[in-house]
C-alpha cells in the first residue's frame, strides 16, 4: 500500500512502483530483474522534474515495467 507522501504522489504514474520493502525484492527475485531505486521526498524540485520528464513518459515507463522492479523510497 502506498502510504507515504512521495508514493501517493506517484500512485497514478505509468511506472509500476513498489514501496521499499521485502515485497519489492521478492518480486525482483521472482522475475530475475534488477531493482531500480528512486530515492526522493515530496518537496524535492528535481524529483518532480524527473517524474515529469521521465517517469510520466509512456515509453520510459513501459521499458522500466518490462525490465526492472521499480522501487520508490521516501
PDB file of N, CA and C in Angstrom:
ATOM      1  N   UNK A   1       0.847  -1.185   0.000  1.00  0.00           N
ATOM      2  CA  UNK A   1       0.000   0.000   0.000  1.00  0.00           C
ATOM      3  C   UNK A   1       0.891   1.246   0.000  1.00  0.00           C
ATOM      4  N   UNK A   2       0.558   2.204  -0.835  1.00  0.00           N
ATOM      5  CA  UNK A   2       1.366   3.412  -0.951  1.00  0.00           C
ATOM      6  C   UNK A   2       0.898   4.443   0.065  1.00  0.00           C
ATOM      7  N   UNK A   3       1.536   4.464   1.211  1.00  0.00           N
ATOM      8  CA  UNK A   3       1.083   5.318   2.309  1.00  0.00           C
ATOM      9  C   UNK A   3       1.811   6.645   2.408  1.00  0.00           C
ATOM     10  N   UNK A   4       3.048   6.695   2.048  1.00  0.00           N
ATOM     11  CA  UNK A   4       3.830   7.913   2.257  1.00  0.00           C
ATOM     12  C   UNK A   4       3.546   8.936   1.168  1.00  0.00           C
ATOM     13  N   UNK A   5       3.847  10.195   1.473  1.00  0.00           N
ATOM     14  CA  UNK A   5       3.513  11.304   0.565  1.00  0.00           C
ATOM     15  C   UNK A   5       4.102  11.109  -0.830  1.00  0.00           C
ATOM     16  N   UNK A   6       5.378  10.773  -0.915  1.00  0.00           N
ATOM     17  CA  UNK A   6       6.017  10.609  -2.220  1.00  0.00           C
ATOM     18  C   UNK A   6       5.375   9.469  -2.998  1.00  0.00           C
ATOM     19  N   UNK A   7       5.079   8.385  -2.333  1.00  0.00           N
ATOM     20  CA  UNK A   7       4.452   7.249  -3.004  1.00  0.00           C
ATOM     21  C   UNK A   7       3.038   7.584  -3.457  1.00  0.00           C
ATOM     22  N   UNK A   8       2.316   8.324  -2.643  1.00  0.00           N
ATOM     23  CA  UNK A   8       0.964   8.750  -3.042  1.00  0.00           C
ATOM     24  C   UNK A   8       1.023   9.639  -4.280  1.00  0.00           C
ATOM     25  N   UNK A   9       2.023  10.529  -4.330  1.00  0.00           N
ATOM     26  CA  UNK A   9       2.160  11.421  -5.486  1.00  0.00           C
ATOM     27  C   UNK A   9       2.374  10.639  -6.775  1.00  0.00           C
ATOM     28  N   UNK A  10       2.967   9.466  -6.678  1.00  0.00           N
ATOM     29  CA  UNK A  10       3.309   8.685  -7.868  1.00  0.00           C
ATOM     30  C   UNK A  10       2.388   7.492  -8.083  1.00  0.00           C
ATOM     31  N   UNK A  11       1.305   7.426  -7.343  1.00  0.00           N
ATOM     32  CA  UNK A  11       0.413   6.269  -7.443  1.00  0.00           C
ATOM     33  C   UNK A  11      -0.283   6.169  -8.802  1.00  0.00           C
ATOM     34  N   UNK A  12      -0.385   7.267  -9.537  1.00  0.00           N
ATOM     35  CA  UNK A  12      -1.022   7.244 -10.859  1.00  0.00           C
ATOM     36  C   UNK A  12      -0.008   7.222 -12.002  1.00  0.00           C
ATOM     37  N   UNK A  13       1.274   7.146 -11.677  1.00  0.00           N
ATOM     38  CA  UNK A  13       2.312   7.074 -12.710  1.00  0.00           C
ATOM     39  C   UNK A  13       2.135   5.818 -13.554  1.00  0.00           C
ATOM     40  N   UNK A  14       2.575   5.861 -14.813  1.00  0.00           N
ATOM     41  CA  UNK A  14       2.554   4.641 -15.617  1.00  0.00           C
ATOM     42  C   UNK A  14       3.624   3.630 -15.189  1.00  0.00           C
ATOM     43  N   UNK A  15       4.601   4.064 -14.396  1.00  0.00           N
ATOM     44  CA  UNK A  15       5.591   3.136 -13.837  1.00  0.00           C
ATOM     45  C   UNK A  15       4.923   2.380 -12.697  1.00  0.00           C
ATOM     46  N   UNK A  16       5.136   1.076 -12.667  1.00  0.00           N
ATOM     47  CA  UNK A  16       4.563   0.227 -11.626  1.00  0.00           C
ATOM     48  C   UNK A  16       5.475   0.257 -10.395  1.00  0.00           C
ATOM     49  N   UNK A  17       5.306   1.290  -9.558  1.00  0.00           N
ATOM     50  CA  UNK A  17       6.169   1.485  -8.395  1.00  0.00           C
ATOM     51  C   UNK A  17       5.811   0.530  -7.265  1.00  0.00           C
ATOM     52  N   UNK A  18       6.839   0.028  -6.617  1.00  0.00           N
ATOM     53  CA  UNK A  18       6.689  -0.724  -5.374  1.00  0.00           C
ATOM     54  C   UNK A  18       7.233   0.143  -4.254  1.00  0.00           C
ATOM     55  N   UNK A  19       6.663   0.063  -3.064  1.00  0.00           N
ATOM     56  CA  UNK A  19       7.291   0.724  -1.917  1.00  0.00           C
ATOM     57  C   UNK A  19       8.528  -0.071  -1.517  1.00  0.00           C
ATOM     58  N   UNK A  20       9.486   0.604  -0.898  1.00  0.00           N
ATOM     59  CA  UNK A  20      10.697  -0.073  -0.433  1.00  0.00           C
ATOM     60  C   UNK A  20      10.307  -1.094   0.630  1.00  0.00           C
ATOM     61  N   UNK A  21      10.689  -2.323   0.414  1.00  0.00           N
ATOM     62  CA  UNK A  21      10.369  -3.366   1.383  1.00  0.00           C
ATOM     63  C   UNK A  21      10.547  -4.747   0.789  1.00  0.00           C
ATOM     64  N   UNK A  22      10.298  -5.767   1.590  1.00  0.00           N
ATOM     65  CA  UNK A  22      10.545  -7.147   1.166  1.00  0.00           C
ATOM     66  C   UNK A  22       9.774  -7.561  -0.089  1.00  0.00           C
ATOM     67  N   UNK A  23       8.550  -7.077  -0.244  1.00  0.00           N
ATOM     68  CA  UNK A  23       7.742  -7.463  -1.407  1.00  0.00           C
ATOM     69  C   UNK A  23       8.443  -7.103  -2.716  1.00  0.00           C
ATOM     70  N   UNK A  24       9.036  -5.923  -2.773  1.00  0.00           N
ATOM     71  CA  UNK A  24       9.714  -5.484  -3.996  1.00  0.00           C
ATOM     72  C   UNK A  24      10.900  -6.383  -4.315  1.00  0.00           C
ATOM     73  N   UNK A  25      11.670  -6.727  -3.306  1.00  0.00           N
ATOM     74  CA  UNK A  25      12.853  -7.549  -3.538  1.00  0.00           C
ATOM     75  C   UNK A  25      12.479  -8.997  -3.852  1.00  0.00           C
ATOM     76  N   UNK A  26      11.410  -9.487  -3.260  1.00  0.00           N
ATOM     77  CA  UNK A  26      10.906 -10.822  -3.604  1.00  0.00           C
ATOM     78  C   UNK A  26      10.452 -10.852  -5.062  1.00  0.00           C
ATOM     79  N   UNK A  27       9.764  -9.802  -5.479  1.00  0.00           N
ATOM     80  CA  UNK A  27       9.297  -9.717  -6.869  1.00  0.00           C
ATOM     81  C   UNK A  27      10.477  -9.679  -7.834  1.00  0.00           C
ATOM     82  N   UNK A  28      11.512  -8.934  -7.494  1.00  0.00           N
ATOM     83  CA  UNK A  28      12.703  -8.864  -8.344  1.00  0.00           C
ATOM     84  C   UNK A  28      13.352 -10.240  -8.475  1.00  0.00           C
ATOM     85  N   UNK A  29      13.414 -10.986  -7.378  1.00  0.00           N
ATOM     86  CA  UNK A  29      13.971 -12.342  -7.439  1.00  0.00           C
ATOM     87  C   UNK A  29      13.101 -13.248  -8.310  1.00  0.00           C
ATOM     88  N   UNK A  30      11.792 -13.161  -8.128  1.00  0.00           N
ATOM     89  CA  UNK A  30      10.869 -13.989  -8.921  1.00  0.00           C
ATOM     90  C   UNK A  30      11.030 -13.736 -10.417  1.00  0.00           C
ATOM     91  N   UNK A  31      11.167 -12.473 -10.782  1.00  0.00           N
ATOM     92  CA  UNK A  31      11.259 -12.088 -12.191  1.00  0.00           C
ATOM     93  C   UNK A  31      12.689 -12.107 -12.719  1.00  0.00           C
ATOM     94  N   UNK A  32      13.660 -12.298 -11.816  1.00  0.00           N
ATOM     95  CA  UNK A  32      15.082 -12.241 -12.165  1.00  0.00           C
ATOM     96  C   UNK A  32      15.417 -10.913 -12.849  1.00  0.00           C
ATOM     97  N   UNK A  33      14.988  -9.833 -12.191  1.00  0.00           N
ATOM     98  CA  UNK A  33      15.228  -8.476 -12.697  1.00  0.00           C
ATOM     99  C   UNK A  33      15.966  -7.658 -11.649  1.00  0.00           C
ATOM    100  N   UNK A  34      16.720  -6.651 -12.100  1.00  0.00           N
ATOM    101  CA  UNK A  34      17.335  -5.742 -11.136  1.00  0.00           C
ATOM    102  C   UNK A  34      16.284  -4.820 -10.508  1.00  0.00           C
ATOM    103  N   UNK A  35      16.653  -4.255  -9.382  1.00  0.00           N
ATOM    104  CA  UNK A  35      15.808  -3.272  -8.695  1.00  0.00           C
ATOM    105  C   UNK A  35      16.272  -1.879  -9.112  1.00  0.00           C
ATOM    106  N   UNK A  36      15.336  -1.034  -9.495  1.00  0.00           N
ATOM    107  CA  UNK A  36      15.609   0.369  -9.799  1.00  0.00           C
ATOM    108  C   UNK A  36      15.100   1.179  -8.616  1.00  0.00           C
ATOM    109  N   UNK A  37      16.020   1.804  -7.879  1.00  0.00           N
ATOM    110  CA  UNK A  37      15.631   2.613  -6.721  1.00  0.00           C
ATOM    111  C   UNK A  37      15.532   4.076  -7.111  1.00  0.00           C
ATOM    112  N   UNK A  38      14.413   4.680  -6.794  1.00  0.00           N
ATOM    113  CA  UNK A  38      14.230   6.118  -6.954  1.00  0.00           C
ATOM    114  C   UNK A  38      14.038   6.689  -5.554  1.00  0.00           C
ATOM    115  N   UNK A  39      15.013   7.465  -5.119  1.00  0.00           N
ATOM    116  CA  UNK A  39      15.004   7.998  -3.753  1.00  0.00           C
ATOM    117  C   UNK A  39      14.728   9.493  -3.817  1.00  0.00           C
ATOM    118  N   UNK A  40      13.781   9.952  -3.021  1.00  0.00           N
ATOM    119  CA  UNK A  40      13.460  11.368  -3.021  1.00  0.00           C
ATOM    120  C   UNK A  40      12.550  11.726  -1.870  1.00  0.00           C
ATOM    121  N   UNK A  41      11.965  12.892  -1.962  1.00  0.00           N
ATOM    122  CA  UNK A  41      10.981  13.330  -0.971  1.00  0.00           C
ATOM    123  C   UNK A  41       9.994  14.256  -1.671  1.00  0.00           C
ATOM    124  N   UNK A  42       8.843  14.422  -1.086  1.00  0.00           N
ATOM    125  CA  UNK A  42       7.736  15.086  -1.778  1.00  0.00           C
ATOM    126  C   UNK A  42       8.021  16.534  -2.167  1.00  0.00           C
ATOM    127  N   UNK A  43       8.890  17.241  -1.461  1.00  0.00           N
ATOM    128  CA  UNK A  43       9.165  18.648  -1.769  1.00  0.00           C
ATOM    129  C   UNK A  43      10.414  18.839  -2.637  1.00  0.00           C
ATOM    130  N   UNK A  44      10.996  17.772  -3.129  1.00  0.00           N
ATOM    131  CA  UNK A  44      12.233  17.836  -3.918  1.00  0.00           C
ATOM    132  C   UNK A  44      11.937  18.320  -5.342  1.00  0.00           C
ATOM    133  N   UNK A  45      12.485  19.480  -5.707  1.00  0.00           N
ATOM    134  CA  UNK A  45      12.249  20.049  -7.037  1.00  0.00           C
ATOM    135  C   UNK A  45      12.708  19.106  -8.144  1.00  0.00           C
ATOM    136  N   UNK A  46      13.929  18.606  -8.052  1.00  0.00           N
ATOM    137  CA  UNK A  46      14.475  17.776  -9.118  1.00  0.00           C
ATOM    138  C   UNK A  46      13.778  16.425  -9.206  1.00  0.00           C
ATOM    139  N   UNK A  47      13.217  15.972  -8.101  1.00  0.00           N
ATOM    140  CA  UNK A  47      12.407  14.742  -8.134  1.00  0.00           C
ATOM    141  C   UNK A  47      11.164  14.959  -8.993  1.00  0.00           C
ATOM    142  N   UNK A  48      10.565  16.143  -8.880  1.00  0.00           N
ATOM    143  CA  UNK A  48       9.386  16.468  -9.690  1.00  0.00           C
ATOM    144  C   UNK A  48       9.760  16.587 -11.169  1.00  0.00           C
ATOM    145  N   UNK A  49      10.923  17.165 -11.439  1.00  0.00           N
ATOM    146  CA  UNK A  49      11.384  17.282 -12.823  1.00  0.00           C
ATOM    147  C   UNK A  49      11.565  15.890 -13.423  1.00  0.00           C
ATOM    148  N   UNK A  50      12.245  14.996 -12.694  1.00  0.00           N
ATOM    149  CA  UNK A  50      12.461  13.644 -13.204  1.00  0.00           C
ATOM    150  C   UNK A  50      11.131  12.916 -13.394  1.00  0.00           C
ATOM    151  N   UNK A  51      10.225  13.098 -12.462  1.00  0.00           N
ATOM    152  CA  UNK A  51       8.913  12.451 -12.575  1.00  0.00           C
ATOM    153  C   UNK A  51       8.198  12.917 -13.841  1.00  0.00           C
ATOM    154  N   UNK A  52       8.239  14.210 -14.097  1.00  0.00           N
ATOM    155  CA  UNK A  52       7.548  14.777 -15.259  1.00  0.00           C
ATOM    156  C   UNK A  52       8.233  14.391 -16.570  1.00  0.00           C
ATOM    157  N   UNK A  53       9.565  14.472 -16.597  1.00  0.00           N
ATOM    158  CA  UNK A  53      10.296  14.250 -17.842  1.00  0.00           C
ATOM    159  C   UNK A  53      10.568  12.783 -18.139  1.00  0.00           C
ATOM    160  N   UNK A  54      10.599  11.948 -17.126  1.00  0.00           N
ATOM    161  CA  UNK A  54      10.956  10.543 -17.346  1.00  0.00           C
ATOM    162  C   UNK A  54       9.857   9.578 -16.940  1.00  0.00           C
ATOM    163  N   UNK A  55       9.471   9.608 -15.674  1.00  0.00           N
ATOM    164  CA  UNK A  55       8.559   8.589 -15.163  1.00  0.00           C
ATOM    165  C   UNK A  55       7.139   8.727 -15.697  1.00  0.00           C
ATOM    166  N   UNK A  56       6.753   9.897 -16.169  1.00  0.00           N
ATOM    167  CA  UNK A  56       5.423  10.081 -16.752  1.00  0.00           C
ATOM    168  C   UNK A  56       5.403   9.739 -18.241  1.00  0.00           C
ATOM    169  N   UNK A  57       6.570   9.548 -18.813  1.00  0.00           N
ATOM    170  CA  UNK A  57       6.683   9.217 -20.230  1.00  0.00           C
ATOM    171  C   UNK A  57       6.306   7.748 -20.448  1.00  0.00           C
ATOM    172  N   UNK A  58       5.345   7.506 -21.332  1.00  0.00           N
ATOM    173  CA  UNK A  58       4.837   6.144 -21.556  1.00  0.00           C
ATOM    174  C   UNK A  58       5.922   5.184 -22.043  1.00  0.00           C
ATOM    175  N   UNK A  59       6.795   5.637 -22.923  1.00  0.00           N
ATOM    176  CA  UNK A  59       7.856   4.772 -23.440  1.00  0.00           C
ATOM    177  C   UNK A  59       8.831   4.398 -22.336  1.00  0.00           C
ATOM    178  N   UNK A  60       9.245   5.380 -21.553  1.00  0.00           N
ATOM    179  CA  UNK A  60      10.151   5.118 -20.435  1.00  0.00           C
ATOM    180  C   UNK A  60       9.496   4.184 -19.429  1.00  0.00           C
ATOM    181  N   UNK A  61       8.247   4.450 -19.103  1.00  0.00           N
ATOM    182  CA  UNK A  61       7.531   3.615 -18.136  1.00  0.00           C
ATOM    183  C   UNK A  61       7.426   2.176 -18.628  1.00  0.00           C
ATOM    184  N   UNK A  62       7.107   1.993 -19.893  1.00  0.00           N
ATOM    185  CA  UNK A  62       6.996   0.641 -20.446  1.00  0.00           C
ATOM    186  C   UNK A  62       8.333  -0.095 -20.347  1.00  0.00           C
ATOM    187  N   UNK A  63       9.416   0.587 -20.705  1.00  0.00           N
ATOM    188  CA  UNK A  63      10.749  -0.023 -20.605  1.00  0.00           C
ATOM    189  C   UNK A  63      11.069  -0.413 -19.165  1.00  0.00           C
ATOM    190  N   UNK A  64      10.762   0.483 -18.244  1.00  0.00           N
ATOM    191  CA  UNK A  64      11.027   0.187 -16.835  1.00  0.00           C
ATOM    192  C   UNK A  64      10.179  -0.988 -16.356  1.00  0.00           C
ATOM    193  N   UNK A  65       8.898  -0.976 -16.678  1.00  0.00           N
ATOM    194  CA  UNK A  65       7.995  -2.033 -16.225  1.00  0.00           C
ATOM    195  C   UNK A  65       8.379  -3.400 -16.785  1.00  0.00           C
ATOM    196  N   UNK A  66       9.012  -3.416 -17.959  1.00  0.00           N
ATOM    197  CA  UNK A  66       9.394  -4.681 -18.589  1.00  0.00           C
ATOM    198  C   UNK A  66      10.782  -5.163 -18.194  1.00  0.00           C
ATOM    199  N   UNK A  67      11.608  -4.286 -17.612  1.00  0.00           N
ATOM    200  CA  UNK A  67      13.000  -4.686 -17.392  1.00  0.00           C
ATOM    201  C   UNK A  67      13.490  -4.596 -15.950  1.00  0.00           C
ATOM    202  N   UNK A  68      12.788  -3.881 -15.093  1.00  0.00           N
ATOM    203  CA  UNK A  68      13.228  -3.726 -13.697  1.00  0.00           C
ATOM    204  C   UNK A  68      12.028  -3.812 -12.765  1.00  0.00           C
ATOM    205  N   UNK A  69      12.315  -3.934 -11.488  1.00  0.00           N
ATOM    206  CA  UNK A  69      11.302  -3.736 -10.453  1.00  0.00           C
ATOM    207  C   UNK A  69      11.584  -2.349  -9.890  1.00  0.00           C
ATOM    208  N   UNK A  70      10.678  -1.427 -10.146  1.00  0.00           N
ATOM    209  CA  UNK A  70      10.868  -0.025  -9.767  1.00  0.00           C
ATOM    210  C   UNK A  70      10.406   0.192  -8.326  1.00  0.00           C
ATOM    211  N   UNK A  71      11.293   0.769  -7.527  1.00  0.00           N
ATOM    212  CA  UNK A  71      11.021   0.969  -6.101  1.00  0.00           C
ATOM    213  C   UNK A  71      11.167   2.447  -5.769  1.00  0.00           C
ATOM    214  N   UNK A  72      10.144   3.028  -5.155  1.00  0.00           N
ATOM    215  CA  UNK A  72      10.171   4.413  -4.670  1.00  0.00           C
ATOM    216  C   UNK A  72      10.537   4.397  -3.200  1.00  0.00           C
ATOM    217  N   UNK A  73      11.572   5.133  -2.850  1.00  0.00           N
ATOM    218  CA  UNK A  73      11.997   5.256  -1.459  1.00  0.00           C
ATOM    219  C   UNK A  73      11.710   6.677  -1.021  1.00  0.00           C
ATOM    220  N   UNK A  74      10.923   6.831   0.037  1.00  0.00           N
ATOM    221  CA  UNK A  74      10.520   8.139   0.539  1.00  0.00           C
ATOM    222  C   UNK A  74      11.382   8.492   1.730  1.00  0.00           C
TER     223      UNK A  74
END
